[in-house]
Every structure is written in C-alpha cells, then in structure tokens.
Amino acid sequence: MEITSTYSVRLHNFNRVFDDTFEVYRNVVDYFIKLMTTHWESYFANLSQSNDCIRSAVSLSVRTIKRPMTTYNFC
C-alpha cells in the first residue's frame, strides 16, 4: 500500500486561523492510516472500490445504534 501526502495550502493573512482544524484533520487521517495498515490483509487488500474501503474502515471504528460495538472506537 502506498501512502502519499500532498496537503500544502497557504492562505494570505489568515494562515493561523485554521491551525487547530488542520491539527484535528491530520490526527484523523493518521488514525485511519494506522487502522488500515494494521488490517490491510484482512479487510482492505481485496477491495477494489474506494467506497468499499471507506465502509470497511467505518465499520471497524465508528459506533452507531445499529453497531454499538466496534474493534476501535473513533467516536
């Protein structure tokens, strides 16, 4: 699995306003990258559609009323 990061944005005069949001975003992305690399062979390697990968990652980590127990607790 190849991991590529290409996030680079500069806003003139407002470059510090979104620092907290960017930090949260980066933490979320890191969380899901670790989850996917941990379970690559068992859940993600054979999936061909990106939507299937998203559904699998969500099913492992996001608890709902219909899915009260998950392997990880992103919430």
PDB file of N, CA and C in Angstrom:
ATOM      1  N   MET A   1       0.855  -1.171   0.000  1.00  0.00           N
ATOM      2  CA  MET A   1       0.000   0.000   0.000  1.00  0.00           C
ATOM      3  C   MET A   1       0.896   1.227   0.000  1.00  0.00           C
ATOM      4  N   GLU A   2       0.640   2.139  -0.900  1.00  0.00           N
ATOM      5  CA  GLU A   2       1.409   3.365  -0.992  1.00  0.00           C
ATOM      6  C   GLU A   2       0.649   4.487  -0.296  1.00  0.00           C
ATOM      7  N   ILE A   3       1.311   5.200   0.606  1.00  0.00           N
ATOM      8  CA  ILE A   3       0.702   6.323   1.321  1.00  0.00           C
ATOM      9  C   ILE A   3       1.344   7.598   0.806  1.00  0.00           C
ATOM     10  N   THR A   4       0.510   8.521   0.329  1.00  0.00           N
ATOM     11  CA  THR A   4       1.004   9.774  -0.218  1.00  0.00           C
ATOM     12  C   THR A   4       0.308  10.935   0.460  1.00  0.00           C
ATOM     13  N   SER A   5       1.075  11.919   0.858  1.00  0.00           N
ATOM     14  CA  SER A   5       0.510  13.121   1.462  1.00  0.00           C
ATOM     15  C   SER A   5       0.881  14.312   0.597  1.00  0.00           C
ATOM     16  N   THR A   6      -0.110  15.039   0.131  1.00  0.00           N
ATOM     17  CA  THR A   6       0.142  16.191  -0.724  1.00  0.00           C
ATOM     18  C   THR A   6      -0.575  17.429  -0.222  1.00  0.00           C
ATOM     19  N   TYR A   7      -0.763  17.524   1.074  1.00  0.00           N
ATOM     20  CA  TYR A   7      -1.525  18.642   1.627  1.00  0.00           C
ATOM     21  C   TYR A   7      -0.606  19.822   1.894  1.00  0.00           C
ATOM     22  N   SER A   8      -0.781  20.890   1.141  1.00  0.00           N
ATOM     23  CA  SER A   8       0.027  22.089   1.332  1.00  0.00           C
ATOM     24  C   SER A   8      -0.785  23.291   0.873  1.00  0.00           C
ATOM     25  N   VAL A   9      -1.258  24.071   1.817  1.00  0.00           N
ATOM     26  CA  VAL A   9      -2.093  25.234   1.500  1.00  0.00           C
ATOM     27  C   VAL A   9      -1.570  26.431   2.268  1.00  0.00           C
ATOM     28  N   ARG A  10      -1.530  27.572   1.629  1.00  0.00           N
ATOM     29  CA  ARG A  10      -1.142  28.797   2.314  1.00  0.00           C
ATOM     30  C   ARG A  10      -2.219  29.847   2.043  1.00  0.00           C
ATOM     31  N   LEU A  11      -2.822  30.357   3.097  1.00  0.00           N
ATOM     32  CA  LEU A  11      -3.813  31.412   2.979  1.00  0.00           C
ATOM     33  C   LEU A  11      -3.164  32.726   3.404  1.00  0.00           C
ATOM     34  N   HIS A  12      -3.255  33.722   2.572  1.00  0.00           N
ATOM     35  CA  HIS A  12      -2.647  35.012   2.873  1.00  0.00           C
ATOM     36  C   HIS A  12      -3.418  35.715   3.992  1.00  0.00           C
ATOM     37  N   ASN A  13      -2.712  36.166   4.990  1.00  0.00           N
ATOM     38  CA  ASN A  13      -3.239  36.920   6.129  1.00  0.00           C
ATOM     39  C   ASN A  13      -4.113  36.099   7.076  1.00  0.00           C
ATOM     40  N   PHE A  14      -4.381  34.856   6.775  1.00  0.00           N
ATOM     41  CA  PHE A  14      -5.213  34.020   7.632  1.00  0.00           C
ATOM     42  C   PHE A  14      -4.556  32.671   7.918  1.00  0.00           C
ATOM     43  N   ASN A  15      -3.262  32.584   7.791  1.00  0.00           N
ATOM     44  CA  ASN A  15      -2.620  31.281   7.867  1.00  0.00           C
ATOM     45  C   ASN A  15      -2.623  30.668   9.258  1.00  0.00           C
ATOM     46  N   ARG A  16      -2.973  31.350  10.322  1.00  0.00           N
ATOM     47  CA  ARG A  16      -3.020  30.779  11.668  1.00  0.00           C
ATOM     48  C   ARG A  16      -4.443  30.492  12.148  1.00  0.00           C
ATOM     49  N   VAL A  17      -5.431  30.971  11.429  1.00  0.00           N
ATOM     50  CA  VAL A  17      -6.825  30.817  11.846  1.00  0.00           C
ATOM     51  C   VAL A  17      -7.237  29.351  11.880  1.00  0.00           C
ATOM     52  N   PHE A  18      -6.755  28.553  10.952  1.00  0.00           N
ATOM     53  CA  PHE A  18      -7.196  27.177  10.814  1.00  0.00           C
ATOM     54  C   PHE A  18      -6.241  26.156  11.413  1.00  0.00           C
ATOM     55  N   ASP A  19      -5.251  26.592  12.165  1.00  0.00           N
ATOM     56  CA  ASP A  19      -4.257  25.671  12.712  1.00  0.00           C
ATOM     57  C   ASP A  19      -4.876  24.537  13.531  1.00  0.00           C
ATOM     58  N   ASP A  20      -5.832  24.845  14.386  1.00  0.00           N
ATOM     59  CA  ASP A  20      -6.473  23.802  15.204  1.00  0.00           C
ATOM     60  C   ASP A  20      -7.245  22.813  14.336  1.00  0.00           C
ATOM     61  N   THR A  21      -7.927  23.325  13.335  1.00  0.00           N
ATOM     62  CA  THR A  21      -8.679  22.459  12.426  1.00  0.00           C
ATOM     63  C   THR A  21      -7.735  21.544  11.653  1.00  0.00           C
ATOM     64  N   PHE A  22      -6.628  22.084  11.166  1.00  0.00           N
ATOM     65  CA  PHE A  22      -5.653  21.275  10.442  1.00  0.00           C
ATOM     66  C   PHE A  22      -5.069  20.193  11.339  1.00  0.00           C
ATOM     67  N   GLU A  23      -4.819  20.528  12.588  1.00  0.00           N
ATOM     68  CA  GLU A  23      -4.267  19.549  13.531  1.00  0.00           C
ATOM     69  C   GLU A  23      -5.245  18.393  13.748  1.00  0.00           C
ATOM     70  N   VAL A  24      -6.520  18.708  13.923  1.00  0.00           N
ATOM     71  CA  VAL A  24      -7.535  17.665  14.096  1.00  0.00           C
ATOM     72  C   VAL A  24      -7.628  16.815  12.830  1.00  0.00           C
ATOM     73  N   TYR A  25      -7.651  17.453  11.683  1.00  0.00           N
ATOM     74  CA  TYR A  25      -7.728  16.734  10.412  1.00  0.00           C
ATOM     75  C   TYR A  25      -6.554  15.774  10.253  1.00  0.00           C
ATOM     76  N   ARG A  26      -5.356  16.252  10.528  1.00  0.00           N
ATOM     77  CA  ARG A  26      -4.169  15.400  10.404  1.00  0.00           C
ATOM     78  C   ARG A  26      -4.223  14.220  11.368  1.00  0.00           C
ATOM     79  N   ASN A  27      -4.723  14.442  12.578  1.00  0.00           N
ATOM     80  CA  ASN A  27      -4.853  13.356  13.546  1.00  0.00           C
ATOM     81  C   ASN A  27      -5.855  12.301  13.076  1.00  0.00           C
ATOM     82  N   VAL A  28      -6.947  12.744  12.488  1.00  0.00           N
ATOM     83  CA  VAL A  28      -7.954  11.810  11.965  1.00  0.00           C
ATOM     84  C   VAL A  28      -7.366  10.992  10.815  1.00  0.00           C
ATOM     85  N   VAL A  29      -6.674  11.646   9.920  1.00  0.00           N
ATOM     86  CA  VAL A  29      -6.058  10.938   8.799  1.00  0.00           C
ATOM     87  C   VAL A  29      -5.037   9.923   9.313  1.00  0.00           C
ATOM     88  N   ASP A  30      -4.211  10.318  10.272  1.00  0.00           N
ATOM     89  CA  ASP A  30      -3.236   9.393  10.865  1.00  0.00           C
ATOM     90  C   ASP A  30      -3.923   8.191  11.502  1.00  0.00           C
ATOM     91  N   TYR A  31      -5.028   8.440  12.193  1.00  0.00           N
ATOM     92  CA  TYR A  31      -5.785   7.372  12.849  1.00  0.00           C
ATOM     93  C   TYR A  31      -6.235   6.333  11.818  1.00  0.00           C
ATOM     94  N   PHE A  32      -6.820   6.804  10.730  1.00  0.00           N
ATOM     95  CA  PHE A  32      -7.332   5.873   9.728  1.00  0.00           C
ATOM     96  C   PHE A  32      -6.219   5.207   8.928  1.00  0.00           C
ATOM     97  N   ILE A  33      -5.101   5.873   8.720  1.00  0.00           N
ATOM     98  CA  ILE A  33      -3.970   5.228   8.052  1.00  0.00           C
ATOM     99  C   ILE A  33      -3.458   4.082   8.912  1.00  0.00           C
ATOM    100  N   LYS A  34      -3.316   4.302  10.208  1.00  0.00           N
ATOM    101  CA  LYS A  34      -2.861   3.239  11.113  1.00  0.00           C
ATOM    102  C   LYS A  34      -3.855   2.087  11.142  1.00  0.00           C
ATOM    103  N   LEU A  35      -5.135   2.407  11.189  1.00  0.00           N
ATOM    104  CA  LEU A  35      -6.170   1.367  11.189  1.00  0.00           C
ATOM    105  C   LEU A  35      -6.081   0.535   9.917  1.00  0.00           C
ATOM    106  N   MET A  36      -5.944   1.200   8.779  1.00  0.00           N
ATOM    107  CA  MET A  36      -5.917   0.477   7.507  1.00  0.00           C
ATOM    108  C   MET A  36      -4.637  -0.334   7.340  1.00  0.00           C
ATOM    109  N   THR A  37      -3.508   0.184   7.770  1.00  0.00           N
ATOM    110  CA  THR A  37      -2.275  -0.593   7.641  1.00  0.00           C
ATOM    111  C   THR A  37      -2.283  -1.788   8.581  1.00  0.00           C
ATOM    112  N   THR A  38      -2.895  -1.648   9.746  1.00  0.00           N
ATOM    113  CA  THR A  38      -2.994  -2.763  10.689  1.00  0.00           C
ATOM    114  C   THR A  38      -3.841  -3.898  10.123  1.00  0.00           C
ATOM    115  N   HIS A  39      -4.911  -3.550   9.441  1.00  0.00           N
ATOM    116  CA  HIS A  39      -5.865  -4.548   8.936  1.00  0.00           C
ATOM    117  C   HIS A  39      -5.849  -4.658   7.420  1.00  0.00           C
ATOM    118  N   TRP A  40      -4.740  -4.288   6.786  1.00  0.00           N
ATOM    119  CA  TRP A  40      -4.689  -4.277   5.326  1.00  0.00           C
ATOM    120  C   TRP A  40      -5.020  -5.642   4.727  1.00  0.00           C
ATOM    121  N   GLU A  41      -4.336  -6.668   5.164  1.00  0.00           N
ATOM    122  CA  GLU A  41      -4.528  -8.001   4.578  1.00  0.00           C
ATOM    123  C   GLU A  41      -5.922  -8.567   4.861  1.00  0.00           C
ATOM    124  N   SER A  42      -6.429  -8.354   6.069  1.00  0.00           N
ATOM    125  CA  SER A  42      -7.685  -8.993   6.448  1.00  0.00           C
ATOM    126  C   SER A  42      -8.934  -8.252   5.974  1.00  0.00           C
ATOM    127  N   TYR A  43      -8.846  -6.939   5.751  1.00  0.00           N
ATOM    128  CA  TYR A  43     -10.048  -6.195   5.371  1.00  0.00           C
ATOM    129  C   TYR A  43      -9.941  -5.457   4.034  1.00  0.00           C
ATOM    130  N   PHE A  44      -8.797  -4.897   3.736  1.00  0.00           N
ATOM    131  CA  PHE A  44      -8.734  -3.908   2.660  1.00  0.00           C
ATOM    132  C   PHE A  44      -8.032  -4.366   1.380  1.00  0.00           C
ATOM    133  N   ALA A  45      -7.155  -5.325   1.438  1.00  0.00           N
ATOM    134  CA  ALA A  45      -6.334  -5.694   0.281  1.00  0.00           C
ATOM    135  C   ALA A  45      -7.150  -6.138  -0.922  1.00  0.00           C
ATOM    136  N   ASN A  46      -8.258  -6.804  -0.702  1.00  0.00           N
ATOM    137  CA  ASN A  46      -9.052  -7.345  -1.806  1.00  0.00           C
ATOM    138  C   ASN A  46     -10.174  -6.424  -2.278  1.00  0.00           C
ATOM    139  N   LEU A  47     -10.293  -5.257  -1.677  1.00  0.00           N
ATOM    140  CA  LEU A  47     -11.357  -4.335  -2.077  1.00  0.00           C
ATOM    141  C   LEU A  47     -10.898  -3.513  -3.275  1.00  0.00           C
ATOM    142  N   SER A  48     -11.754  -3.395  -4.267  1.00  0.00           N
ATOM    143  CA  SER A  48     -11.360  -2.675  -5.481  1.00  0.00           C
ATOM    144  C   SER A  48     -11.956  -1.268  -5.565  1.00  0.00           C
ATOM    145  N   GLN A  49     -13.026  -1.013  -4.843  1.00  0.00           N
ATOM    146  CA  GLN A  49     -13.680   0.288  -4.887  1.00  0.00           C
ATOM    147  C   GLN A  49     -13.342   1.094  -3.637  1.00  0.00           C
ATOM    148  N   SER A  50     -13.087   2.387  -3.798  1.00  0.00           N
ATOM    149  CA  SER A  50     -12.751   3.222  -2.647  1.00  0.00           C
ATOM    150  C   SER A  50     -13.906   3.289  -1.651  1.00  0.00           C
ATOM    151  N   ASN A  51     -15.133   3.266  -2.144  1.00  0.00           N
ATOM    152  CA  ASN A  51     -16.286   3.290  -1.233  1.00  0.00           C
ATOM    153  C   ASN A  51     -16.306   2.057  -0.330  1.00  0.00           C
ATOM    154  N   ASP A  52     -15.881   0.920  -0.851  1.00  0.00           N
ATOM    155  CA  ASP A  52     -15.816  -0.293  -0.040  1.00  0.00           C
ATOM    156  C   ASP A  52     -14.765  -0.151   1.057  1.00  0.00           C
ATOM    157  N   CYS A  53     -13.654   0.486   0.740  1.00  0.00           N
ATOM    158  CA  CYS A  53     -12.615   0.731   1.751  1.00  0.00           C
ATOM    159  C   CYS A  53     -13.139   1.649   2.845  1.00  0.00           C
ATOM    160  N   ILE A  54     -13.854   2.675   2.448  1.00  0.00           N
ATOM    161  CA  ILE A  54     -14.411   3.610   3.433  1.00  0.00           C
ATOM    162  C   ILE A  54     -15.406   2.887   4.326  1.00  0.00           C
ATOM    163  N   ARG A  55     -16.302   2.102   3.723  1.00  0.00           N
ATOM    164  CA  ARG A  55     -17.282   1.354   4.522  1.00  0.00           C
ATOM    165  C   ARG A  55     -16.608   0.408   5.500  1.00  0.00           C
ATOM    166  N   SER A  56     -15.560  -0.254   5.084  1.00  0.00           N
ATOM    167  CA  SER A  56     -14.842  -1.176   5.970  1.00  0.00           C
ATOM    168  C   SER A  56     -14.169  -0.433   7.115  1.00  0.00           C
ATOM    169  N   ALA A  57     -13.540   0.688   6.820  1.00  0.00           N
ATOM    170  CA  ALA A  57     -12.885   1.479   7.871  1.00  0.00           C
ATOM    171  C   ALA A  57     -13.909   1.998   8.868  1.00  0.00           C
ATOM    172  N   VAL A  58     -15.040   2.454   8.369  1.00  0.00           N
ATOM    173  CA  VAL A  58     -16.102   2.948   9.251  1.00  0.00           C
ATOM    174  C   VAL A  58     -16.662   1.812  10.098  1.00  0.00           C
ATOM    175  N   SER A  59     -16.851   0.652   9.511  1.00  0.00           N
ATOM    176  CA  SER A  59     -17.409  -0.466  10.274  1.00  0.00           C
ATOM    177  C   SER A  59     -16.466  -0.937  11.375  1.00  0.00           C
ATOM    178  N   LEU A  60     -15.172  -0.710  11.212  1.00  0.00           N
ATOM    179  CA  LEU A  60     -14.204  -1.071  12.244  1.00  0.00           C
ATOM    180  C   LEU A  60     -14.113  -0.046  13.369  1.00  0.00           C
ATOM    181  N   SER A  61     -14.552   1.186  13.123  1.00  0.00           N
ATOM    182  CA  SER A  61     -14.218   2.241  14.083  1.00  0.00           C
ATOM    183  C   SER A  61     -15.342   3.166  14.520  1.00  0.00           C
ATOM    184  N   VAL A  62     -16.432   3.238  13.797  1.00  0.00           N
ATOM    185  CA  VAL A  62     -17.491   4.187  14.147  1.00  0.00           C
ATOM    186  C   VAL A  62     -18.681   3.430  14.728  1.00  0.00           C
ATOM    187  N   ARG A  63     -18.967   3.720  15.971  1.00  0.00           N
ATOM    188  CA  ARG A  63     -20.096   3.072  16.648  1.00  0.00           C
ATOM    189  C   ARG A  63     -21.390   3.809  16.345  1.00  0.00           C
ATOM    190  N   THR A  64     -22.431   3.031  16.109  1.00  0.00           N
ATOM    191  CA  THR A  64     -23.763   3.581  15.845  1.00  0.00           C
ATOM    192  C   THR A  64     -24.776   2.815  16.679  1.00  0.00           C
ATOM    193  N   ILE A  65     -26.026   3.192  16.580  1.00  0.00           N
ATOM    194  CA  ILE A  65     -27.082   2.467  17.292  1.00  0.00           C
ATOM    195  C   ILE A  65     -27.165   1.031  16.781  1.00  0.00           C
ATOM    196  N   LYS A  66     -27.062   0.847  15.470  1.00  0.00           N
ATOM    197  CA  LYS A  66     -27.114  -0.494  14.892  1.00  0.00           C
ATOM    198  C   LYS A  66     -25.808  -1.268  15.084  1.00  0.00           C
ATOM    199  N   ARG A  67     -24.710  -0.545  15.342  1.00  0.00           N
ATOM    200  CA  ARG A  67     -23.410  -1.168  15.519  1.00  0.00           C
ATOM    201  C   ARG A  67     -22.764  -0.599  16.795  1.00  0.00           C
ATOM    202  N   PRO A  68     -23.279  -1.022  17.974  1.00  0.00           N
ATOM    203  CA  PRO A  68     -22.802  -0.421  19.232  1.00  0.00           C
ATOM    204  C   PRO A  68     -21.390  -0.841  19.643  1.00  0.00           C
ATOM    205  N   MET A  69     -20.886  -1.951  19.115  1.00  0.00           N
ATOM    206  CA  MET A  69     -19.540  -2.407  19.455  1.00  0.00           C
ATOM    207  C   MET A  69     -18.699  -2.499  18.180  1.00  0.00           C
ATOM    208  N   THR A  70     -17.541  -1.869  18.204  1.00  0.00           N
ATOM    209  CA  THR A  70     -16.605  -1.945  17.080  1.00  0.00           C
ATOM    210  C   THR A  70     -15.223  -2.312  17.631  1.00  0.00           C
ATOM    211  N   THR A  71     -14.350  -2.744  16.744  1.00  0.00           N
ATOM    212  CA  THR A  71     -12.999  -3.088  17.138  1.00  0.00           C
ATOM    213  C   THR A  71     -12.273  -1.881  17.709  1.00  0.00           C
ATOM    214  N   TYR A  72     -12.457  -0.736  17.092  1.00  0.00           N
ATOM    215  CA  TYR A  72     -11.856   0.529  17.539  1.00  0.00           C
ATOM    216  C   TYR A  72     -12.978   1.512  17.826  1.00  0.00           C
ATOM    217  N   ASN A  73     -12.696   2.502  18.646  1.00  0.00           N
ATOM    218  CA  ASN A  73     -13.716   3.496  18.966  1.00  0.00           C
ATOM    219  C   ASN A  73     -13.230   4.870  18.535  1.00  0.00           C
ATOM    220  N   PHE A  74     -13.549   5.234  17.305  1.00  0.00           N
ATOM    221  CA  PHE A  74     -13.165   6.541  16.800  1.00  0.00           C
ATOM    222  C   PHE A  74     -13.967   7.649  17.461  1.00  0.00           C
ATOM    223  N   CYS A  75     -15.203   7.349  17.824  1.00  0.00           N
ATOM    224  CA  CYS A  75     -16.074   8.368  18.408  1.00  0.00           C
ATOM    225  C   CYS A  75     -15.536   8.815  19.747  1.00  0.00           C
TER     226      CYS A  75
END
